[in-house]
Amino acid sequence: MINEELKCVGICKSYKDKEVLKDINLTIEPNKIYGMIGRNGAGKTTLLSIMSAQNPATKGQVMLGDENVWENSKALANICFSREFGTNASASNITGYKVKDYLKIASMLYPKWDKNMADELVKKFRLDPKQKIMKLSKGMMSMVTIIVALASKAEYTFMDEPVAGLDVIMREKFYRMLLDEYTETGRTFIISTHIIEEMADIIEEVMVIKEGKLLMKENTQELLERSYHISGKAEDVKAAVTGFDAYHEEGFGRSKGITVVLKEGQKINASGDISVQPVSLQNLFVALCADED
């Protein structure tokens, strides 16, 4: 098991005139489970594809320890990005493979591949190895991406919407498998997901991507302990949030609601007719990333 940090240094990505990622500086420490959240189109998948050298950055570099990961087989042996099956031409070619053939290709890409684990997961998920991926349901496609991620045994493993299409029972099974694998191996996982609340107790650190920028990277529980929704009479709320980082103001007649994230040492002045309530990770995400009118 490696103990080197994975770093993004000044990562930018543009497609023609569209800037998708904007000066991303990010350090991923080993032996943690991270959550990456953001709205559709925020740049999450693009960032993970660059971090795994599946996509070149327009500017900047990704380093594993002292090694640049781009076209570096030694560094890439420690990185796996198992992503959703898309609808483009390349993805269509991939989905034409049978499950067993797709997993065989994966086994050649990842030098630490655990065939026994892959076989066990195929049975646990009740997948037909001879079935073509394109014939699978969305949930079963997700199961294939989960198998690749876990069986790769890569120290840095990225998963893009791994529970898409899974019912609640299968999602719970996945969370248990993820935690078991993490506990046993100490591997580092980054999970990009829109099912935020279910992951809140699993992810140690959360990264929020907004409009191609890294809005924040925080310890999940510490962040939630500093985040509150303040509501009440507009003038009282305004006075209470002065000097705080405030997000997503909502008006209800003469009343107002605002979410705040406190900095170290800050306290809310609860004077006046206001309500101060803790927020969930999902509600905080909405406040951070909602479009303002």
C-alpha atoms as a PDB file:
ATOM      1  CA  MET A   1       0.000   0.000   0.000  1.00  0.00           C
ATOM      2  CA  ILE A   2       1.390   3.380  -1.024  1.00  0.00           C
ATOM      3  CA  ASN A   3       1.289   6.423   1.258  1.00  0.00           C
ATOM      4  CA  GLU A   4       1.849   9.104  -1.352  1.00  0.00           C
ATOM      5  CA  GLU A   5      -0.539  11.973  -1.929  1.00  0.00           C
ATOM      6  CA  LEU A   6      -2.298  12.495  -5.248  1.00  0.00           C
ATOM      7  CA  LYS A   7      -2.224  16.154  -6.237  1.00  0.00           C
ATOM      8  CA  CYS A   8      -3.894  18.275  -8.894  1.00  0.00           C
ATOM      9  CA  VAL A   9      -1.787  21.330  -9.611  1.00  0.00           C
ATOM     10  CA  GLY A  10      -3.444  24.141 -11.548  1.00  0.00           C
ATOM     11  CA  ILE A  11      -5.693  21.838 -13.572  1.00  0.00           C
ATOM     12  CA  CYS A  12      -7.613  23.582 -16.356  1.00  0.00           C
ATOM     13  CA  LYS A  13      -9.649  21.958 -19.100  1.00  0.00           C
ATOM     14  CA  SER A  14     -11.249  23.585 -22.122  1.00  0.00           C
ATOM     15  CA  TYR A  15     -13.193  22.219 -25.068  1.00  0.00           C
ATOM     16  CA  LYS A  16     -12.931  24.792 -27.865  1.00  0.00           C
ATOM     17  CA  ASP A  17     -14.313  27.966 -26.258  1.00  0.00           C
ATOM     18  CA  LYS A  18     -15.859  26.256 -23.239  1.00  0.00           C
ATOM     19  CA  GLU A  19     -13.817  26.249 -20.021  1.00  0.00           C
ATOM     20  CA  VAL A  20     -14.857  23.151 -18.047  1.00  0.00           C
ATOM     21  CA  LEU A  21     -12.282  23.183 -15.216  1.00  0.00           C
ATOM     22  CA  LYS A  22     -10.722  26.345 -13.814  1.00  0.00           C
ATOM     23  CA  ASP A  23      -7.427  26.187 -11.928  1.00  0.00           C
ATOM     24  CA  ILE A  24      -8.141  23.166  -9.734  1.00  0.00           C
ATOM     25  CA  ASN A  25      -5.618  22.712  -6.919  1.00  0.00           C
ATOM     26  CA  LEU A  26      -6.412  19.654  -4.861  1.00  0.00           C
ATOM     27  CA  THR A  27      -4.579  17.236  -2.586  1.00  0.00           C
ATOM     28  CA  ILE A  28      -5.976  13.750  -2.014  1.00  0.00           C
ATOM     29  CA  GLU A  29      -4.487  12.100   1.034  1.00  0.00           C
ATOM     30  CA  PRO A  30      -4.245   8.308   1.174  1.00  0.00           C
ATOM     31  CA  ASN A  31      -6.467   6.057   3.284  1.00  0.00           C
ATOM     32  CA  LYS A  32      -9.675   8.074   3.127  1.00  0.00           C
ATOM     33  CA  ILE A  33     -13.099   7.878   1.493  1.00  0.00           C
ATOM     34  CA  TYR A  34     -13.931  11.110  -0.299  1.00  0.00           C
ATOM     35  CA  GLY A  35     -17.203  12.286  -1.754  1.00  0.00           C
ATOM     36  CA  MET A  36     -17.240  14.553  -4.797  1.00  0.00           C
ATOM     37  CA  ILE A  37     -20.496  16.408  -5.298  1.00  0.00           C
ATOM     38  CA  GLY A  38     -21.677  19.017  -7.748  1.00  0.00           C
ATOM     39  CA  ARG A  39     -24.465  19.725 -10.195  1.00  0.00           C
ATOM     40  CA  ASN A  40     -24.655  18.105 -13.617  1.00  0.00           C
ATOM     41  CA  GLY A  41     -22.025  19.691 -15.834  1.00  0.00           C
ATOM     42  CA  ALA A  42     -19.979  21.037 -12.921  1.00  0.00           C
ATOM     43  CA  GLY A  43     -16.876  19.149 -14.138  1.00  0.00           C
ATOM     44  CA  LYS A  44     -16.713  16.196 -11.729  1.00  0.00           C
ATOM     45  CA  THR A  45     -16.345  13.440 -14.324  1.00  0.00           C
ATOM     46  CA  THR A  46     -13.882  15.506 -16.352  1.00  0.00           C
ATOM     47  CA  LEU A  47     -11.733  16.089 -13.283  1.00  0.00           C
ATOM     48  CA  LEU A  48     -11.700  12.395 -12.344  1.00  0.00           C
ATOM     49  CA  SER A  49     -10.838  11.427 -15.912  1.00  0.00           C
ATOM     50  CA  ILE A  50      -7.869  13.826 -15.836  1.00  0.00           C
ATOM     51  CA  MET A  51      -6.760  12.563 -12.415  1.00  0.00           C
ATOM     52  CA  SER A  52      -6.722   9.021 -13.839  1.00  0.00           C
ATOM     53  CA  ALA A  53      -4.968  10.082 -17.086  1.00  0.00           C
ATOM     54  CA  GLN A  54      -7.942   9.103 -19.245  1.00  0.00           C
ATOM     55  CA  ASN A  55      -8.195  12.692 -20.444  1.00  0.00           C
ATOM     56  CA  PRO A  56      -5.388  15.237 -20.900  1.00  0.00           C
ATOM     57  CA  ALA A  57      -5.532  18.521 -19.018  1.00  0.00           C
ATOM     58  CA  THR A  58      -5.359  21.714 -21.054  1.00  0.00           C
ATOM     59  CA  LYS A  59      -3.106  23.129 -18.352  1.00  0.00           C
ATOM     60  CA  GLY A  60      -1.617  21.830 -15.109  1.00  0.00           C
ATOM     61  CA  GLN A  61      -0.586  18.373 -13.980  1.00  0.00           C
ATOM     62  CA  VAL A  62      -1.572  15.502 -11.721  1.00  0.00           C
ATOM     63  CA  MET A  63       1.157  14.124  -9.474  1.00  0.00           C
ATOM     64  CA  LEU A  64       1.286  10.896  -7.458  1.00  0.00           C
ATOM     65  CA  GLY A  65       4.069  11.620  -5.039  1.00  0.00           C
ATOM     66  CA  ASP A  66       6.871  12.910  -7.288  1.00  0.00           C
ATOM     67  CA  GLU A  67       5.531  11.213 -10.424  1.00  0.00           C
ATOM     68  CA  ASN A  68       3.413  12.859 -13.115  1.00  0.00           C
ATOM     69  CA  VAL A  69       0.610  10.375 -13.831  1.00  0.00           C
ATOM     70  CA  TRP A  70       0.234  11.241 -17.529  1.00  0.00           C
ATOM     71  CA  GLU A  71       1.530   8.364 -19.690  1.00  0.00           C
ATOM     72  CA  ASN A  72       3.211   6.924 -16.597  1.00  0.00           C
ATOM     73  CA  SER A  73       2.406   3.226 -16.280  1.00  0.00           C
ATOM     74  CA  LYS A  74       4.113   2.996 -12.893  1.00  0.00           C
ATOM     75  CA  ALA A  75       1.877   5.686 -11.382  1.00  0.00           C
ATOM     76  CA  LEU A  76      -1.252   4.552 -13.214  1.00  0.00           C
ATOM     77  CA  ALA A  77      -0.893   1.040 -11.805  1.00  0.00           C
ATOM     78  CA  ASN A  78      -2.146   2.620  -8.570  1.00  0.00           C
ATOM     79  CA  ILE A  79      -5.155   4.456 -10.053  1.00  0.00           C
ATOM     80  CA  CYS A  80      -8.537   3.183 -11.266  1.00  0.00           C
ATOM     81  CA  PHE A  81     -11.433   5.254 -12.564  1.00  0.00           C
ATOM     82  CA  SER A  82     -14.530   3.111 -13.017  1.00  0.00           C
ATOM     83  CA  ARG A  83     -17.140   5.286 -14.683  1.00  0.00           C
ATOM     84  CA  GLU A  84     -20.698   5.089 -15.915  1.00  0.00           C
ATOM     85  CA  PHE A  85     -21.258   3.628 -19.355  1.00  0.00           C
ATOM     86  CA  GLY A  86     -22.110   6.568 -21.602  1.00  0.00           C
ATOM     87  CA  THR A  87     -23.880   6.894 -24.919  1.00  0.00           C
ATOM     88  CA  ASN A  88     -21.059   8.107 -27.186  1.00  0.00           C
ATOM     89  CA  ALA A  89     -19.532   5.983 -29.958  1.00  0.00           C
ATOM     90  CA  SER A  90     -16.627   4.796 -27.818  1.00  0.00           C
ATOM     91  CA  ALA A  91     -18.971   3.736 -25.032  1.00  0.00           C
ATOM     92  CA  SER A  92     -21.177   1.930 -27.557  1.00  0.00           C
ATOM     93  CA  ASN A  93     -18.198  -0.174 -28.629  1.00  0.00           C
ATOM     94  CA  ILE A  94     -17.486  -1.029 -25.001  1.00  0.00           C
ATOM     95  CA  THR A  95     -21.068  -2.007 -24.231  1.00  0.00           C
ATOM     96  CA  GLY A  96     -20.952  -4.460 -27.128  1.00  0.00           C
ATOM     97  CA  TYR A  97     -18.681  -6.679 -25.019  1.00  0.00           C
ATOM     98  CA  LYS A  98     -19.991  -9.498 -22.883  1.00  0.00           C
ATOM     99  CA  VAL A  99     -19.605  -8.998 -19.141  1.00  0.00           C
ATOM    100  CA  LYS A 100     -16.886 -11.652 -18.904  1.00  0.00           C
ATOM    101  CA  ASP A 101     -14.911 -10.110 -21.777  1.00  0.00           C
ATOM    102  CA  TYR A 102     -15.152  -6.629 -20.304  1.00  0.00           C
ATOM    103  CA  LEU A 103     -13.862  -7.891 -16.955  1.00  0.00           C
ATOM    104  CA  LYS A 104     -11.050  -9.747 -18.737  1.00  0.00           C
ATOM    105  CA  ILE A 105      -9.959  -6.483 -20.359  1.00  0.00           C
ATOM    106  CA  ALA A 106     -10.088  -4.784 -16.956  1.00  0.00           C
ATOM    107  CA  SER A 107      -7.911  -7.525 -15.489  1.00  0.00           C
ATOM    108  CA  MET A 108      -5.215  -6.669 -18.037  1.00  0.00           C
ATOM    109  CA  LEU A 109      -5.362  -2.963 -17.225  1.00  0.00           C
ATOM    110  CA  TYR A 110      -4.941  -3.290 -13.465  1.00  0.00           C
ATOM    111  CA  PRO A 111      -1.874  -5.240 -12.315  1.00  0.00           C
ATOM    112  CA  LYS A 112      -3.322  -5.922  -8.842  1.00  0.00           C
ATOM    113  CA  TRP A 113      -6.592  -7.322 -10.230  1.00  0.00           C
ATOM    114  CA  ASP A 114      -8.336  -9.736  -7.847  1.00  0.00           C
ATOM    115  CA  LYS A 115     -10.010 -12.352 -10.068  1.00  0.00           C
ATOM    116  CA  ASN A 116     -11.503 -14.212  -7.117  1.00  0.00           C
ATOM    117  CA  MET A 117     -13.206 -11.043  -5.909  1.00  0.00           C
ATOM    118  CA  ALA A 118     -14.492 -10.271  -9.408  1.00  0.00           C
ATOM    119  CA  ASP A 119     -15.929 -13.772  -9.772  1.00  0.00           C
ATOM    120  CA  GLU A 120     -17.548 -13.610  -6.333  1.00  0.00           C
ATOM    121  CA  LEU A 121     -19.137 -10.249  -7.086  1.00  0.00           C
ATOM    122  CA  VAL A 122     -20.509 -11.476 -10.410  1.00  0.00           C
ATOM    123  CA  LYS A 123     -22.268 -14.239  -8.482  1.00  0.00           C
ATOM    124  CA  LYS A 124     -23.378 -11.920  -5.658  1.00  0.00           C
ATOM    125  CA  PHE A 125     -24.883  -9.470  -8.151  1.00  0.00           C
ATOM    126  CA  ARG A 126     -26.428 -12.381 -10.122  1.00  0.00           C
ATOM    127  CA  LEU A 127     -24.914 -11.175 -13.373  1.00  0.00           C
ATOM    128  CA  ASP A 128     -24.814 -13.409 -16.431  1.00  0.00           C
ATOM    129  CA  PRO A 129     -21.153 -13.338 -17.575  1.00  0.00           C
ATOM    130  CA  LYS A 130     -22.245 -14.112 -21.146  1.00  0.00           C
ATOM    131  CA  GLN A 131     -24.688 -11.203 -21.319  1.00  0.00           C
ATOM    132  CA  LYS A 132     -23.702  -8.200 -23.426  1.00  0.00           C
ATOM    133  CA  ILE A 133     -23.352  -5.045 -21.378  1.00  0.00           C
ATOM    134  CA  MET A 134     -25.683  -3.151 -23.707  1.00  0.00           C
ATOM    135  CA  LYS A 135     -28.430  -5.635 -22.810  1.00  0.00           C
ATOM    136  CA  LEU A 136     -28.112  -5.006 -19.083  1.00  0.00           C
ATOM    137  CA  SER A 137     -30.380  -2.732 -17.082  1.00  0.00           C
ATOM    138  CA  LYS A 138     -28.908   0.538 -15.794  1.00  0.00           C
ATOM    139  CA  GLY A 139     -28.589  -0.978 -12.334  1.00  0.00           C
ATOM    140  CA  MET A 140     -26.742  -4.027 -13.646  1.00  0.00           C
ATOM    141  CA  MET A 141     -24.392  -1.783 -15.612  1.00  0.00           C
ATOM    142  CA  SER A 142     -23.613  -0.048 -12.329  1.00  0.00           C
ATOM    143  CA  MET A 143     -22.841  -3.435 -10.792  1.00  0.00           C
ATOM    144  CA  VAL A 144     -20.251  -4.045 -13.513  1.00  0.00           C
ATOM    145  CA  THR A 145     -18.548  -0.714 -12.772  1.00  0.00           C
ATOM    146  CA  ILE A 146     -18.545  -1.561  -9.051  1.00  0.00           C
ATOM    147  CA  ILE A 147     -16.887  -4.918  -9.760  1.00  0.00           C
ATOM    148  CA  VAL A 148     -14.148  -3.228 -11.799  1.00  0.00           C
ATOM    149  CA  ALA A 149     -13.541  -0.637  -9.092  1.00  0.00           C
ATOM    150  CA  LEU A 150     -13.326  -3.070  -6.181  1.00  0.00           C
ATOM    151  CA  ALA A 151     -11.496  -5.885  -7.981  1.00  0.00           C
ATOM    152  CA  SER A 152      -8.910  -3.499  -9.444  1.00  0.00           C
ATOM    153  CA  LYS A 153      -7.376  -3.233  -5.960  1.00  0.00           C
ATOM    154  CA  ALA A 154      -5.960   0.130  -7.052  1.00  0.00           C
ATOM    155  CA  GLU A 155      -4.815   2.230  -4.113  1.00  0.00           C
ATOM    156  CA  TYR A 156      -6.600   5.249  -5.574  1.00  0.00           C
ATOM    157  CA  THR A 157     -10.014   4.232  -6.871  1.00  0.00           C
ATOM    158  CA  PHE A 158     -12.511   6.681  -8.360  1.00  0.00           C
ATOM    159  CA  MET A 159     -16.157   5.772  -8.901  1.00  0.00           C
ATOM    160  CA  ASP A 160     -18.588   7.849 -10.953  1.00  0.00           C
ATOM    161  CA  GLU A 161     -22.238   7.471  -9.862  1.00  0.00           C
ATOM    162  CA  PRO A 162     -21.668   3.857  -8.722  1.00  0.00           C
ATOM    163  CA  VAL A 163     -25.204   3.379  -7.394  1.00  0.00           C
ATOM    164  CA  ALA A 164     -27.060   4.796 -10.399  1.00  0.00           C
ATOM    165  CA  GLY A 165     -30.045   2.578 -11.085  1.00  0.00           C
ATOM    166  CA  LEU A 166     -29.569   0.395  -7.992  1.00  0.00           C
ATOM    167  CA  ASP A 167     -32.515  -0.139  -5.682  1.00  0.00           C
ATOM    168  CA  VAL A 168     -32.189   0.689  -1.994  1.00  0.00           C
ATOM    169  CA  ILE A 169     -31.253  -2.891  -1.012  1.00  0.00           C
ATOM    170  CA  MET A 170     -28.441  -3.085  -3.557  1.00  0.00           C
ATOM    171  CA  ARG A 171     -27.234   0.379  -2.575  1.00  0.00           C
ATOM    172  CA  GLU A 172     -26.959  -0.750   1.037  1.00  0.00           C
ATOM    173  CA  LYS A 173     -24.994  -3.827  -0.091  1.00  0.00           C
ATOM    174  CA  PHE A 174     -22.623  -1.593  -2.042  1.00  0.00           C
ATOM    175  CA  TYR A 175     -22.034   0.701   0.942  1.00  0.00           C
ATOM    176  CA  ARG A 176     -21.216  -2.299   3.134  1.00  0.00           C
ATOM    177  CA  MET A 177     -18.840  -3.729   0.522  1.00  0.00           C
ATOM    178  CA  LEU A 178     -17.141  -0.359   0.140  1.00  0.00           C
ATOM    179  CA  LEU A 179     -16.629   0.030   3.886  1.00  0.00           C
ATOM    180  CA  ASP A 180     -15.446  -3.572   4.252  1.00  0.00           C
ATOM    181  CA  GLU A 181     -12.897  -3.104   1.471  1.00  0.00           C
ATOM    182  CA  TYR A 182     -11.732   0.205   2.909  1.00  0.00           C
ATOM    183  CA  THR A 183     -11.400  -1.249   6.416  1.00  0.00           C
ATOM    184  CA  GLU A 184      -9.483  -4.285   5.165  1.00  0.00           C
ATOM    185  CA  THR A 185      -7.126  -2.551   2.737  1.00  0.00           C
ATOM    186  CA  GLY A 186      -6.982   1.159   3.565  1.00  0.00           C
ATOM    187  CA  ARG A 187      -7.499   2.010  -0.106  1.00  0.00           C
ATOM    188  CA  THR A 188      -8.443   5.569  -1.015  1.00  0.00           C
ATOM    189  CA  PHE A 189     -11.822   6.045  -2.699  1.00  0.00           C
ATOM    190  CA  ILE A 190     -13.376   9.058  -4.385  1.00  0.00           C
ATOM    191  CA  ILE A 191     -17.104   8.630  -4.949  1.00  0.00           C
ATOM    192  CA  SER A 192     -18.887  11.048  -7.280  1.00  0.00           C
ATOM    193  CA  THR A 193     -22.599  10.843  -6.552  1.00  0.00           C
ATOM    194  CA  HIS A 194     -25.915  12.672  -6.567  1.00  0.00           C
ATOM    195  CA  ILE A 195     -27.326  10.417  -3.830  1.00  0.00           C
ATOM    196  CA  ILE A 196     -25.768  12.617  -1.200  1.00  0.00           C
ATOM    197  CA  GLU A 197     -27.610  11.879   2.021  1.00  0.00           C
ATOM    198  CA  GLU A 198     -26.951   8.127   1.923  1.00  0.00           C
ATOM    199  CA  MET A 199     -23.228   8.762   1.540  1.00  0.00           C
ATOM    200  CA  ALA A 200     -22.958  11.425   4.244  1.00  0.00           C
ATOM    201  CA  ASP A 201     -21.978   8.991   6.998  1.00  0.00           C
ATOM    202  CA  ILE A 202     -19.530   7.138   4.747  1.00  0.00           C
ATOM    203  CA  ILE A 203     -17.417   9.885   3.231  1.00  0.00           C
ATOM    204  CA  GLU A 204     -14.741  11.300   5.519  1.00  0.00           C
ATOM    205  CA  GLU A 205     -14.135  14.350   3.365  1.00  0.00           C
ATOM    206  CA  VAL A 206     -16.397  16.084   0.882  1.00  0.00           C
ATOM    207  CA  MET A 207     -15.326  18.045  -2.192  1.00  0.00           C
ATOM    208  CA  VAL A 208     -17.797  20.457  -3.780  1.00  0.00           C
ATOM    209  CA  ILE A 209     -17.307  21.313  -7.446  1.00  0.00           C
ATOM    210  CA  LYS A 210     -19.219  24.317  -8.756  1.00  0.00           C
ATOM    211  CA  GLU A 211     -18.998  25.625 -12.311  1.00  0.00           C
ATOM    212  CA  GLY A 212     -15.596  24.055 -12.872  1.00  0.00           C
ATOM    213  CA  LYS A 213     -14.056  25.315  -9.646  1.00  0.00           C
ATOM    214  CA  LEU A 214     -13.267  23.579  -6.362  1.00  0.00           C
ATOM    215  CA  LEU A 215     -15.615  25.402  -4.006  1.00  0.00           C
ATOM    216  CA  MET A 216     -14.462  23.555  -0.897  1.00  0.00           C
ATOM    217  CA  LYS A 217     -12.774  20.421   0.426  1.00  0.00           C
ATOM    218  CA  GLU A 218     -13.654  19.746   4.045  1.00  0.00           C
ATOM    219  CA  ASN A 219     -13.974  17.048   6.660  1.00  0.00           C
ATOM    220  CA  THR A 220     -17.634  16.107   6.318  1.00  0.00           C
ATOM    221  CA  GLN A 221     -18.618  16.084   9.986  1.00  0.00           C
ATOM    222  CA  GLU A 222     -16.621  19.202  10.852  1.00  0.00           C
ATOM    223  CA  LEU A 223     -18.255  21.028   7.940  1.00  0.00           C
ATOM    224  CA  LEU A 224     -21.752  20.039   9.057  1.00  0.00           C
ATOM    225  CA  GLU A 225     -20.995  21.072  12.627  1.00  0.00           C
ATOM    226  CA  ARG A 226     -20.295  24.596  11.316  1.00  0.00           C
ATOM    227  CA  SER A 227     -23.287  24.829   8.979  1.00  0.00           C
ATOM    228  CA  TYR A 228     -26.711  26.179   9.947  1.00  0.00           C
ATOM    229  CA  HIS A 229     -29.932  27.403   8.396  1.00  0.00           C
ATOM    230  CA  ILE A 230     -31.104  30.663   9.939  1.00  0.00           C
ATOM    231  CA  SER A 231     -34.667  31.801   9.432  1.00  0.00           C
ATOM    232  CA  GLY A 232     -37.060  34.366  10.842  1.00  0.00           C
ATOM    233  CA  LYS A 233     -37.894  38.021  10.346  1.00  0.00           C
ATOM    234  CA  ALA A 234     -35.809  39.442   7.523  1.00  0.00           C
ATOM    235  CA  GLU A 235     -34.189  42.181   9.620  1.00  0.00           C
ATOM    236  CA  ASP A 236     -33.305  39.768  12.436  1.00  0.00           C
ATOM    237  CA  VAL A 237     -31.806  37.222  10.013  1.00  0.00           C
ATOM    238  CA  LYS A 238     -29.800  39.929   8.261  1.00  0.00           C
ATOM    239  CA  ALA A 239     -28.347  41.054  11.569  1.00  0.00           C
ATOM    240  CA  ALA A 240     -27.605  37.469  12.633  1.00  0.00           C
ATOM    241  CA  VAL A 241     -25.639  36.537   9.481  1.00  0.00           C
ATOM    242  CA  THR A 242     -23.546  39.707   9.185  1.00  0.00           C
ATOM    243  CA  GLY A 243     -19.893  38.740   8.752  1.00  0.00           C
ATOM    244  CA  PHE A 244     -20.623  35.078   7.948  1.00  0.00           C
ATOM    245  CA  ASP A 245     -20.246  33.127   4.712  1.00  0.00           C
ATOM    246  CA  ALA A 246     -23.907  33.060   3.684  1.00  0.00           C
ATOM    247  CA  TYR A 247     -25.543  31.068   0.876  1.00  0.00           C
ATOM    248  CA  HIS A 248     -28.900  30.721  -0.849  1.00  0.00           C
ATOM    249  CA  GLU A 249     -31.115  33.435   0.550  1.00  0.00           C
ATOM    250  CA  GLU A 250     -34.804  32.563   0.484  1.00  0.00           C
ATOM    251  CA  GLY A 251     -37.588  35.070   1.042  1.00  0.00           C
ATOM    252  CA  PHE A 252     -41.063  34.306   2.394  1.00  0.00           C
ATOM    253  CA  GLY A 253     -42.946  37.581   2.658  1.00  0.00           C
ATOM    254  CA  ARG A 254     -41.375  39.416   5.612  1.00  0.00           C
ATOM    255  CA  SER A 255     -39.417  36.294   6.573  1.00  0.00           C
ATOM    256  CA  LYS A 256     -36.051  35.137   5.282  1.00  0.00           C
ATOM    257  CA  GLY A 257     -33.949  31.983   5.390  1.00  0.00           C
ATOM    258  CA  ILE A 258     -30.192  31.792   4.814  1.00  0.00           C
ATOM    259  CA  THR A 259     -27.627  28.994   5.162  1.00  0.00           C
ATOM    260  CA  VAL A 260     -24.313  29.939   6.757  1.00  0.00           C
ATOM    261  CA  VAL A 261     -20.995  28.142   7.133  1.00  0.00           C
ATOM    262  CA  LEU A 262     -19.113  29.402  10.162  1.00  0.00           C
ATOM    263  CA  LYS A 263     -15.374  29.878  10.275  1.00  0.00           C
ATOM    264  CA  GLU A 264     -13.295  28.888  13.289  1.00  0.00           C
ATOM    265  CA  GLY A 265     -14.209  31.003  16.306  1.00  0.00           C
ATOM    266  CA  GLN A 266     -17.437  32.381  14.839  1.00  0.00           C
ATOM    267  CA  LYS A 267     -20.709  32.100  16.749  1.00  0.00           C
ATOM    268  CA  ILE A 268     -24.260  32.952  15.785  1.00  0.00           C
ATOM    269  CA  ASN A 269     -25.912  35.789  17.660  1.00  0.00           C
ATOM    270  CA  ALA A 270     -29.284  34.223  18.372  1.00  0.00           C
ATOM    271  CA  SER A 271     -30.890  37.461  19.521  1.00  0.00           C
ATOM    272  CA  GLY A 272     -34.134  38.459  17.892  1.00  0.00           C
ATOM    273  CA  ASP A 273     -36.875  36.247  16.553  1.00  0.00           C
ATOM    274  CA  ILE A 274     -34.805  33.711  14.589  1.00  0.00           C
ATOM    275  CA  SER A 275     -34.545  29.941  14.280  1.00  0.00           C
ATOM    276  CA  VAL A 276     -31.110  28.310  14.033  1.00  0.00           C
ATOM    277  CA  GLN A 277     -31.151  24.748  12.722  1.00  0.00           C
ATOM    278  CA  PRO A 278     -28.376  22.324  11.662  1.00  0.00           C
ATOM    279  CA  VAL A 279     -28.433  21.270   8.017  1.00  0.00           C
ATOM    280  CA  SER A 280     -27.924  17.938   6.300  1.00  0.00           C
ATOM    281  CA  LEU A 281     -25.180  17.476   3.716  1.00  0.00           C
ATOM    282  CA  GLN A 282     -27.791  17.406   0.961  1.00  0.00           C
ATOM    283  CA  ASN A 283     -29.402  20.651   2.105  1.00  0.00           C
ATOM    284  CA  LEU A 284     -25.990  22.262   2.436  1.00  0.00           C
ATOM    285  CA  PHE A 285     -25.160  21.182  -1.110  1.00  0.00           C
ATOM    286  CA  VAL A 286     -28.379  22.767  -2.374  1.00  0.00           C
ATOM    287  CA  ALA A 287     -27.526  26.004  -0.585  1.00  0.00           C
ATOM    288  CA  LEU A 288     -23.960  26.054  -1.907  1.00  0.00           C
ATOM    289  CA  CYS A 289     -24.761  25.185  -5.504  1.00  0.00           C
ATOM    290  CA  ALA A 290     -28.257  26.510  -6.180  1.00  0.00           C
ATOM    291  CA  ASP A 291     -28.535  29.219  -8.809  1.00  0.00           C
ATOM    292  CA  GLU A 292     -29.246  32.594  -7.288  1.00  0.00           C
ATOM    293  CA  ASP A 293     -32.078  34.689  -8.746  1.00  0.00           C
END
